[in-house]
């Protein structure tokens, strides 16, 4: 893709922003979408040369509409580029607000507020899930089920955010998998944890990890090693396209970018 002065300035801005890991990933998505919008001449010409013009209302209005349509997706979904979800749309607008505020641009604010939260599971539902996972562990599990069972068991025991869960390494497990070390990170803060502690793991988690870790070891050996607890099960997209528009594949056994 062509190089633009506004994107170069945006990269410098992103390098200096103190945001959490989840927000940084979202900002990276916005950066990629803006670059693709510029390369397709979808934004005013002045937005190529100036970050302030790139983040001006007359450029962001078209960008948001096109991005919500799915046309700026980095990769196809089942052979197409469907519209992006409501949570993604809101996260995109919040990122735009973060960027505008960082360079001192006044309103309007594009974000509409917090995404509606899902209801908290009832105790009975969580107990039923534990029973189901326990039953599943007594039988045959596919590689995907093995990893998912371990993920869900740790979530039930330690209640981590997704970003905290994905950052777990083998060193964060105590001997015999009796505890897991969790670093609590604020939702929109810096990369420094608010607090960190060891959380005792139930017999369910210990058994689930006993099933997952040997499989993980096989996968990691093929990919030349990583200490991350959760790794990919099969080749998957990097999210980037080459000059011919083809997706680049990552081999199995590499650190997962998402756990489920």
C-alpha atoms as a PDB file:
ATOM      1  CA  UNK A   1       0.000   0.000   0.000  1.00  0.00           C
ATOM      2  CA  UNK A   2       1.150   3.605  -0.532  1.00  0.00           C
ATOM      3  CA  UNK A   3       2.706   5.531   2.346  1.00  0.00           C
ATOM      4  CA  UNK A   4       0.858   8.574   3.675  1.00  0.00           C
ATOM      5  CA  UNK A   5       2.144  11.330   5.932  1.00  0.00           C
ATOM      6  CA  UNK A   6      -1.017  11.172   8.024  1.00  0.00           C
ATOM      7  CA  UNK A   7      -0.548   7.444   8.735  1.00  0.00           C
ATOM      8  CA  UNK A   8       3.102   8.012   9.634  1.00  0.00           C
ATOM      9  CA  UNK A   9       1.985  10.678  12.119  1.00  0.00           C
ATOM     10  CA  UNK A  10      -0.733   8.343  13.405  1.00  0.00           C
ATOM     11  CA  UNK A  11       1.861   5.638  14.054  1.00  0.00           C
ATOM     12  CA  UNK A  12       3.927   8.067  16.123  1.00  0.00           C
ATOM     13  CA  UNK A  13       0.837   9.029  18.089  1.00  0.00           C
ATOM     14  CA  UNK A  14      -0.082   5.384  18.741  1.00  0.00           C
ATOM     15  CA  UNK A  15       3.436   4.600  19.944  1.00  0.00           C
ATOM     16  CA  UNK A  16       3.085   7.205  22.692  1.00  0.00           C
ATOM     17  CA  UNK A  17      -0.464   6.471  23.856  1.00  0.00           C
ATOM     18  CA  UNK A  18      -0.836   4.932  27.323  1.00  0.00           C
ATOM     19  CA  UNK A  19      -3.735   2.538  26.790  1.00  0.00           C
ATOM     20  CA  UNK A  20      -4.540  -1.021  27.757  1.00  0.00           C
ATOM     21  CA  UNK A  21      -3.829  -3.972  25.529  1.00  0.00           C
ATOM     22  CA  UNK A  22      -7.438  -4.437  24.418  1.00  0.00           C
ATOM     23  CA  UNK A  23      -7.742  -0.769  23.433  1.00  0.00           C
ATOM     24  CA  UNK A  24      -4.392  -0.931  21.627  1.00  0.00           C
ATOM     25  CA  UNK A  25      -5.665  -3.822  19.506  1.00  0.00           C
ATOM     26  CA  UNK A  26      -8.773  -1.814  18.671  1.00  0.00           C
ATOM     27  CA  UNK A  27      -6.669   1.200  17.734  1.00  0.00           C
ATOM     28  CA  UNK A  28      -4.591  -1.056  15.493  1.00  0.00           C
ATOM     29  CA  UNK A  29      -7.790  -2.134  13.743  1.00  0.00           C
ATOM     30  CA  UNK A  30      -8.749   1.514  13.191  1.00  0.00           C
ATOM     31  CA  UNK A  31      -5.278   2.315  11.874  1.00  0.00           C
ATOM     32  CA  UNK A  32      -5.534  -0.499   9.327  1.00  0.00           C
ATOM     33  CA  UNK A  33      -9.013   0.564   8.239  1.00  0.00           C
ATOM     34  CA  UNK A  34      -7.940   4.188   7.800  1.00  0.00           C
ATOM     35  CA  UNK A  35      -4.986   3.111   5.673  1.00  0.00           C
ATOM     36  CA  UNK A  36      -7.206   0.971   3.453  1.00  0.00           C
ATOM     37  CA  UNK A  37      -9.743   3.799   3.150  1.00  0.00           C
ATOM     38  CA  UNK A  38      -6.989   6.197   2.027  1.00  0.00           C
ATOM     39  CA  UNK A  39      -5.573   3.713  -0.467  1.00  0.00           C
ATOM     40  CA  UNK A  40      -9.033   3.370  -2.038  1.00  0.00           C
ATOM     41  CA  UNK A  41      -9.471   7.153  -2.339  1.00  0.00           C
ATOM     42  CA  UNK A  42     -12.484   6.960  -0.046  1.00  0.00           C
ATOM     43  CA  UNK A  43     -11.423   9.963   2.072  1.00  0.00           C
ATOM     44  CA  UNK A  44     -10.579  13.594   1.214  1.00  0.00           C
ATOM     45  CA  UNK A  45      -7.177  14.053  -0.413  1.00  0.00           C
ATOM     46  CA  UNK A  46      -6.035  16.319   2.428  1.00  0.00           C
ATOM     47  CA  UNK A  47      -6.452  13.379   4.842  1.00  0.00           C
ATOM     48  CA  UNK A  48      -3.413  11.765   3.228  1.00  0.00           C
ATOM     49  CA  UNK A  49      -1.094  14.588   4.273  1.00  0.00           C
ATOM     50  CA  UNK A  50      -2.274  15.651   7.738  1.00  0.00           C
ATOM     51  CA  UNK A  51      -3.266  13.680  10.823  1.00  0.00           C
ATOM     52  CA  UNK A  52      -5.602  16.469  11.898  1.00  0.00           C
ATOM     53  CA  UNK A  53      -7.332  16.297   8.524  1.00  0.00           C
ATOM     54  CA  UNK A  54      -7.462  12.505   8.728  1.00  0.00           C
ATOM     55  CA  UNK A  55      -9.244  12.815  12.081  1.00  0.00           C
ATOM     56  CA  UNK A  56     -11.466  15.704  10.982  1.00  0.00           C
ATOM     57  CA  UNK A  57     -15.232  15.241  10.824  1.00  0.00           C
ATOM     58  CA  UNK A  58     -15.380  15.359   7.020  1.00  0.00           C
ATOM     59  CA  UNK A  59     -12.969  12.406   6.810  1.00  0.00           C
ATOM     60  CA  UNK A  60     -14.216  10.386   9.774  1.00  0.00           C
ATOM     61  CA  UNK A  61     -17.859  10.477   8.703  1.00  0.00           C
ATOM     62  CA  UNK A  62     -17.213   8.588   5.443  1.00  0.00           C
ATOM     63  CA  UNK A  63     -14.643   6.345   7.117  1.00  0.00           C
ATOM     64  CA  UNK A  64     -17.064   5.180   9.805  1.00  0.00           C
ATOM     65  CA  UNK A  65     -19.860   4.518   7.290  1.00  0.00           C
ATOM     66  CA  UNK A  66     -17.590   2.495   5.015  1.00  0.00           C
ATOM     67  CA  UNK A  67     -15.997   0.624   7.922  1.00  0.00           C
ATOM     68  CA  UNK A  68     -19.380  -0.342   9.369  1.00  0.00           C
ATOM     69  CA  UNK A  69     -20.367  -1.765   5.977  1.00  0.00           C
ATOM     70  CA  UNK A  70     -17.478  -4.231   6.279  1.00  0.00           C
ATOM     71  CA  UNK A  71     -15.728  -2.991   3.129  1.00  0.00           C
ATOM     72  CA  UNK A  72     -12.535  -2.182   5.051  1.00  0.00           C
ATOM     73  CA  UNK A  73     -12.142  -5.624   6.639  1.00  0.00           C
ATOM     74  CA  UNK A  74      -8.596  -6.978   6.357  1.00  0.00           C
ATOM     75  CA  UNK A  75      -9.808 -10.444   5.432  1.00  0.00           C
ATOM     76  CA  UNK A  76     -12.870 -12.228   4.107  1.00  0.00           C
ATOM     77  CA  UNK A  77     -15.437 -13.913   6.320  1.00  0.00           C
ATOM     78  CA  UNK A  78     -16.826 -16.966   4.528  1.00  0.00           C
ATOM     79  CA  UNK A  79     -15.809 -15.421   1.232  1.00  0.00           C
ATOM     80  CA  UNK A  80     -17.384 -12.023   1.879  1.00  0.00           C
ATOM     81  CA  UNK A  81     -16.965  -8.805   3.871  1.00  0.00           C
ATOM     82  CA  UNK A  82     -20.131  -8.549   5.978  1.00  0.00           C
ATOM     83  CA  UNK A  83     -21.034  -5.479   8.066  1.00  0.00           C
ATOM     84  CA  UNK A  84     -19.169  -5.240  11.365  1.00  0.00           C
ATOM     85  CA  UNK A  85     -20.987  -5.928  14.648  1.00  0.00           C
ATOM     86  CA  UNK A  86     -22.502  -3.309  16.956  1.00  0.00           C
ATOM     87  CA  UNK A  87     -19.791  -3.813  19.623  1.00  0.00           C
ATOM     88  CA  UNK A  88     -17.101  -3.379  16.948  1.00  0.00           C
ATOM     89  CA  UNK A  89     -18.835  -0.274  15.628  1.00  0.00           C
ATOM     90  CA  UNK A  90     -18.929   1.267  19.093  1.00  0.00           C
ATOM     91  CA  UNK A  91     -15.305   0.340  19.820  1.00  0.00           C
ATOM     92  CA  UNK A  92     -14.284   1.952  16.526  1.00  0.00           C
ATOM     93  CA  UNK A  93     -16.037   5.200  17.427  1.00  0.00           C
ATOM     94  CA  UNK A  94     -14.513   5.203  20.907  1.00  0.00           C
ATOM     95  CA  UNK A  95     -11.071   4.778  19.337  1.00  0.00           C
ATOM     96  CA  UNK A  96     -11.742   7.745  17.082  1.00  0.00           C
ATOM     97  CA  UNK A  97     -12.618   9.795  20.170  1.00  0.00           C
ATOM     98  CA  UNK A  98      -9.376   8.684  21.867  1.00  0.00           C
ATOM     99  CA  UNK A  99      -7.322   9.769  18.843  1.00  0.00           C
ATOM    100  CA  UNK A 100      -9.096  13.110  18.455  1.00  0.00           C
ATOM    101  CA  UNK A 101      -8.687  13.889  22.138  1.00  0.00           C
ATOM    102  CA  UNK A 102      -4.987  12.946  21.972  1.00  0.00           C
ATOM    103  CA  UNK A 103      -4.282  15.619  19.348  1.00  0.00           C
ATOM    104  CA  UNK A 104      -6.552  18.228  20.929  1.00  0.00           C
ATOM    105  CA  UNK A 105      -9.453  18.219  18.502  1.00  0.00           C
ATOM    106  CA  UNK A 106     -12.777  19.431  19.941  1.00  0.00           C
ATOM    107  CA  UNK A 107     -16.115  17.615  19.657  1.00  0.00           C
ATOM    108  CA  UNK A 108     -18.235  16.089  18.321  1.00  0.00           C
ATOM    109  CA  UNK A 109     -17.688  12.766  20.027  1.00  0.00           C
ATOM    110  CA  UNK A 110     -18.411   9.811  17.819  1.00  0.00           C
ATOM    111  CA  UNK A 111     -18.765   7.120  20.504  1.00  0.00           C
ATOM    112  CA  UNK A 112     -22.252   6.622  21.809  1.00  0.00           C
ATOM    113  CA  UNK A 113     -21.372   5.145  25.186  1.00  0.00           C
ATOM    114  CA  UNK A 114     -20.752   1.756  26.722  1.00  0.00           C
ATOM    115  CA  UNK A 115     -21.825  -1.406  24.961  1.00  0.00           C
ATOM    116  CA  UNK A 116     -24.775  -3.127  26.669  1.00  0.00           C
ATOM    117  CA  UNK A 117     -23.377  -5.757  29.012  1.00  0.00           C
ATOM    118  CA  UNK A 118     -24.600  -9.311  29.004  1.00  0.00           C
ATOM    119  CA  UNK A 119     -26.307 -10.491  32.209  1.00  0.00           C
ATOM    120  CA  UNK A 120     -24.130 -12.057  34.908  1.00  0.00           C
ATOM    121  CA  UNK A 121     -24.543 -15.864  34.910  1.00  0.00           C
ATOM    122  CA  UNK A 122     -26.525 -17.293  37.799  1.00  0.00           C
ATOM    123  CA  UNK A 123     -24.839 -19.614  40.311  1.00  0.00           C
ATOM    124  CA  UNK A 124     -26.933 -22.536  39.091  1.00  0.00           C
ATOM    125  CA  UNK A 125     -25.811 -21.969  35.499  1.00  0.00           C
ATOM    126  CA  UNK A 126     -22.157 -21.931  36.553  1.00  0.00           C
ATOM    127  CA  UNK A 127     -22.620 -25.119  38.584  1.00  0.00           C
ATOM    128  CA  UNK A 128     -24.259 -26.774  35.581  1.00  0.00           C
ATOM    129  CA  UNK A 129     -21.343 -25.734  33.395  1.00  0.00           C
ATOM    130  CA  UNK A 130     -18.864 -27.238  35.866  1.00  0.00           C
ATOM    131  CA  UNK A 131     -20.812 -30.504  35.841  1.00  0.00           C
ATOM    132  CA  UNK A 132     -20.886 -30.536  32.051  1.00  0.00           C
ATOM    133  CA  UNK A 133     -17.144 -29.926  31.777  1.00  0.00           C
ATOM    134  CA  UNK A 134     -16.476 -32.655  34.348  1.00  0.00           C
ATOM    135  CA  UNK A 135     -18.541 -35.103  32.306  1.00  0.00           C
ATOM    136  CA  UNK A 136     -16.783 -34.112  29.088  1.00  0.00           C
ATOM    137  CA  UNK A 137     -13.368 -34.722  30.646  1.00  0.00           C
ATOM    138  CA  UNK A 138     -14.368 -38.324  31.349  1.00  0.00           C
ATOM    139  CA  UNK A 139     -14.655 -39.050  27.630  1.00  0.00           C
ATOM    140  CA  UNK A 140     -12.939 -38.377  24.319  1.00  0.00           C
ATOM    141  CA  UNK A 141     -12.257 -34.744  23.467  1.00  0.00           C
ATOM    142  CA  UNK A 142     -11.166 -33.255  20.170  1.00  0.00           C
ATOM    143  CA  UNK A 143      -8.194 -30.834  20.266  1.00  0.00           C
ATOM    144  CA  UNK A 144     -10.605 -27.903  20.122  1.00  0.00           C
ATOM    145  CA  UNK A 145     -12.735 -29.298  22.945  1.00  0.00           C
ATOM    146  CA  UNK A 146      -9.612 -30.011  25.002  1.00  0.00           C
ATOM    147  CA  UNK A 147      -8.420 -26.426  24.790  1.00  0.00           C
ATOM    148  CA  UNK A 148     -11.899 -24.947  25.295  1.00  0.00           C
ATOM    149  CA  UNK A 149     -12.501 -27.086  28.373  1.00  0.00           C
ATOM    150  CA  UNK A 150      -9.246 -25.876  29.942  1.00  0.00           C
ATOM    151  CA  UNK A 151     -10.078 -22.269  29.081  1.00  0.00           C
ATOM    152  CA  UNK A 152     -13.564 -22.465  30.583  1.00  0.00           C
ATOM    153  CA  UNK A 153     -12.337 -24.222  33.724  1.00  0.00           C
ATOM    154  CA  UNK A 154      -9.769 -21.480  34.378  1.00  0.00           C
ATOM    155  CA  UNK A 155     -12.379 -18.802  33.746  1.00  0.00           C
ATOM    156  CA  UNK A 156     -14.684 -20.402  36.310  1.00  0.00           C
ATOM    157  CA  UNK A 157     -11.875 -20.468  38.900  1.00  0.00           C
ATOM    158  CA  UNK A 158     -10.135 -17.127  38.315  1.00  0.00           C
ATOM    159  CA  UNK A 159     -12.615 -14.878  36.423  1.00  0.00           C
ATOM    160  CA  UNK A 160     -10.006 -13.190  34.219  1.00  0.00           C
ATOM    161  CA  UNK A 161     -10.676 -10.646  31.485  1.00  0.00           C
ATOM    162  CA  UNK A 162      -9.974 -11.963  28.009  1.00  0.00           C
ATOM    163  CA  UNK A 163      -6.729  -9.998  27.797  1.00  0.00           C
ATOM    164  CA  UNK A 164      -5.561 -11.371  31.144  1.00  0.00           C
ATOM    165  CA  UNK A 165      -6.405 -14.906  30.081  1.00  0.00           C
ATOM    166  CA  UNK A 166      -4.592 -14.720  26.741  1.00  0.00           C
ATOM    167  CA  UNK A 167      -1.405 -13.444  28.421  1.00  0.00           C
ATOM    168  CA  UNK A 168      -1.003 -16.520  30.623  1.00  0.00           C
ATOM    169  CA  UNK A 169       2.288 -18.399  30.288  1.00  0.00           C
ATOM    170  CA  UNK A 170       3.445 -21.772  31.599  1.00  0.00           C
ATOM    171  CA  UNK A 171       5.307 -19.925  34.347  1.00  0.00           C
ATOM    172  CA  UNK A 172       1.947 -18.627  35.593  1.00  0.00           C
ATOM    173  CA  UNK A 173       0.960 -22.158  36.638  1.00  0.00           C
ATOM    174  CA  UNK A 174       2.019 -23.547  40.009  1.00  0.00           C
ATOM    175  CA  UNK A 175       3.423 -27.101  40.292  1.00  0.00           C
ATOM    176  CA  UNK A 176       0.757 -29.753  39.655  1.00  0.00           C
ATOM    177  CA  UNK A 177      -1.443 -26.939  38.254  1.00  0.00           C
ATOM    178  CA  UNK A 178      -2.725 -26.152  41.734  1.00  0.00           C
ATOM    179  CA  UNK A 179      -2.835 -22.391  41.181  1.00  0.00           C
ATOM    180  CA  UNK A 180      -2.650 -19.785  38.424  1.00  0.00           C
ATOM    181  CA  UNK A 181      -1.016 -16.361  38.638  1.00  0.00           C
ATOM    182  CA  UNK A 182      -3.349 -13.691  37.267  1.00  0.00           C
ATOM    183  CA  UNK A 183      -2.399 -10.069  36.636  1.00  0.00           C
ATOM    184  CA  UNK A 184      -5.433  -7.796  36.809  1.00  0.00           C
ATOM    185  CA  UNK A 185      -5.310  -5.027  34.219  1.00  0.00           C
ATOM    186  CA  UNK A 186      -7.687  -2.040  34.072  1.00  0.00           C
ATOM    187  CA  UNK A 187     -10.047  -2.001  31.117  1.00  0.00           C
ATOM    188  CA  UNK A 188      -8.719   1.218  29.577  1.00  0.00           C
ATOM    189  CA  UNK A 189      -5.533   1.860  31.508  1.00  0.00           C
ATOM    190  CA  UNK A 190      -1.837   1.290  30.948  1.00  0.00           C
ATOM    191  CA  UNK A 191      -0.069  -2.025  30.537  1.00  0.00           C
ATOM    192  CA  UNK A 192       0.845  -2.019  34.244  1.00  0.00           C
ATOM    193  CA  UNK A 193      -1.323  -4.438  36.265  1.00  0.00           C
ATOM    194  CA  UNK A 194      -3.599  -3.114  39.004  1.00  0.00           C
ATOM    195  CA  UNK A 195      -2.857  -6.178  41.095  1.00  0.00           C
ATOM    196  CA  UNK A 196      -1.565  -9.716  40.696  1.00  0.00           C
ATOM    197  CA  UNK A 197      -2.049 -12.825  42.784  1.00  0.00           C
ATOM    198  CA  UNK A 198      -2.129 -16.610  42.760  1.00  0.00           C
ATOM    199  CA  UNK A 199      -5.603 -18.166  42.526  1.00  0.00           C
ATOM    200  CA  UNK A 200      -6.177 -21.734  43.679  1.00  0.00           C
ATOM    201  CA  UNK A 201      -7.446 -24.003  40.928  1.00  0.00           C
ATOM    202  CA  UNK A 202     -10.154 -26.608  41.392  1.00  0.00           C
ATOM    203  CA  UNK A 203      -9.745 -30.271  40.544  1.00  0.00           C
ATOM    204  CA  UNK A 204     -11.716 -29.511  37.367  1.00  0.00           C
ATOM    205  CA  UNK A 205      -9.089 -27.036  36.166  1.00  0.00           C
ATOM    206  CA  UNK A 206      -6.231 -29.325  37.134  1.00  0.00           C
ATOM    207  CA  UNK A 207      -7.664 -32.235  35.169  1.00  0.00           C
ATOM    208  CA  UNK A 208      -8.502 -29.995  32.214  1.00  0.00           C
ATOM    209  CA  UNK A 209      -4.943 -28.643  32.152  1.00  0.00           C
ATOM    210  CA  UNK A 210      -3.572 -32.190  32.426  1.00  0.00           C
ATOM    211  CA  UNK A 211      -5.462 -32.944  29.193  1.00  0.00           C
ATOM    212  CA  UNK A 212      -4.455 -29.702  27.440  1.00  0.00           C
ATOM    213  CA  UNK A 213      -0.759 -29.398  28.279  1.00  0.00           C
ATOM    214  CA  UNK A 214       0.478 -32.577  26.489  1.00  0.00           C
ATOM    215  CA  UNK A 215      -1.444 -31.566  23.360  1.00  0.00           C
ATOM    216  CA  UNK A 216      -0.079 -28.041  23.645  1.00  0.00           C
ATOM    217  CA  UNK A 217       3.464 -29.429  23.912  1.00  0.00           C
ATOM    218  CA  UNK A 218       3.071 -31.350  20.646  1.00  0.00           C
ATOM    219  CA  UNK A 219       1.734 -28.291  18.839  1.00  0.00           C
ATOM    220  CA  UNK A 220       4.445 -25.979  20.176  1.00  0.00           C
ATOM    221  CA  UNK A 221       7.271 -28.350  19.226  1.00  0.00           C
ATOM    222  CA  UNK A 222       6.176 -28.119  15.590  1.00  0.00           C
ATOM    223  CA  UNK A 223       6.201 -24.316  15.756  1.00  0.00           C
ATOM    224  CA  UNK A 224       9.634 -24.015  17.451  1.00  0.00           C
ATOM    225  CA  UNK A 225       8.399 -23.035  20.882  1.00  0.00           C
ATOM    226  CA  UNK A 226       6.523 -20.433  22.942  1.00  0.00           C
ATOM    227  CA  UNK A 227       5.826 -20.115  26.660  1.00  0.00           C
ATOM    228  CA  UNK A 228       2.252 -18.898  26.145  1.00  0.00           C
ATOM    229  CA  UNK A 229      -0.347 -21.229  27.655  1.00  0.00           C
ATOM    230  CA  UNK A 230      -2.842 -20.966  24.807  1.00  0.00           C
ATOM    231  CA  UNK A 231      -1.660 -21.764  21.295  1.00  0.00           C
ATOM    232  CA  UNK A 232      -3.347 -22.192  17.929  1.00  0.00           C
ATOM    233  CA  UNK A 233      -4.617 -25.626  16.919  1.00  0.00           C
ATOM    234  CA  UNK A 234      -4.313 -25.278  13.158  1.00  0.00           C
ATOM    235  CA  UNK A 235      -2.922 -22.858  10.552  1.00  0.00           C
ATOM    236  CA  UNK A 236      -4.860 -19.593  10.621  1.00  0.00           C
ATOM    237  CA  UNK A 237      -4.862 -16.108   9.129  1.00  0.00           C
ATOM    238  CA  UNK A 238      -2.534 -13.386  10.343  1.00  0.00           C
ATOM    239  CA  UNK A 239      -5.153 -10.797   9.373  1.00  0.00           C
ATOM    240  CA  UNK A 240      -2.833  -9.367   6.714  1.00  0.00           C
ATOM    241  CA  UNK A 241      -3.032  -9.710   2.944  1.00  0.00           C
ATOM    242  CA  UNK A 242      -0.049  -9.865   0.603  1.00  0.00           C
ATOM    243  CA  UNK A 243       0.327  -7.861  -2.623  1.00  0.00           C
ATOM    244  CA  UNK A 244      -1.792 -10.428  -4.464  1.00  0.00           C
ATOM    245  CA  UNK A 245      -4.615 -10.153  -1.942  1.00  0.00           C
ATOM    246  CA  UNK A 246      -3.899 -13.577  -0.435  1.00  0.00           C
ATOM    247  CA  UNK A 247      -3.987 -14.181   3.313  1.00  0.00           C
ATOM    248  CA  UNK A 248      -0.766 -15.095   5.102  1.00  0.00           C
ATOM    249  CA  UNK A 249      -1.105 -18.197   7.257  1.00  0.00           C
ATOM    250  CA  UNK A 250       0.406 -18.799  10.683  1.00  0.00           C
ATOM    251  CA  UNK A 251       1.242 -22.433  11.559  1.00  0.00           C
ATOM    252  CA  UNK A 252      -0.387 -24.302  14.412  1.00  0.00           C
ATOM    253  CA  UNK A 253       1.292 -24.034  17.813  1.00  0.00           C
ATOM    254  CA  UNK A 254       1.777 -20.265  17.815  1.00  0.00           C
ATOM    255  CA  UNK A 255       0.428 -17.993  20.594  1.00  0.00           C
ATOM    256  CA  UNK A 256      -3.309 -17.557  20.217  1.00  0.00           C
ATOM    257  CA  UNK A 257      -4.631 -14.045  19.730  1.00  0.00           C
ATOM    258  CA  UNK A 258      -7.937 -15.138  21.207  1.00  0.00           C
ATOM    259  CA  UNK A 259      -8.834 -18.040  23.421  1.00  0.00           C
ATOM    260  CA  UNK A 260     -12.180 -19.145  22.027  1.00  0.00           C
END
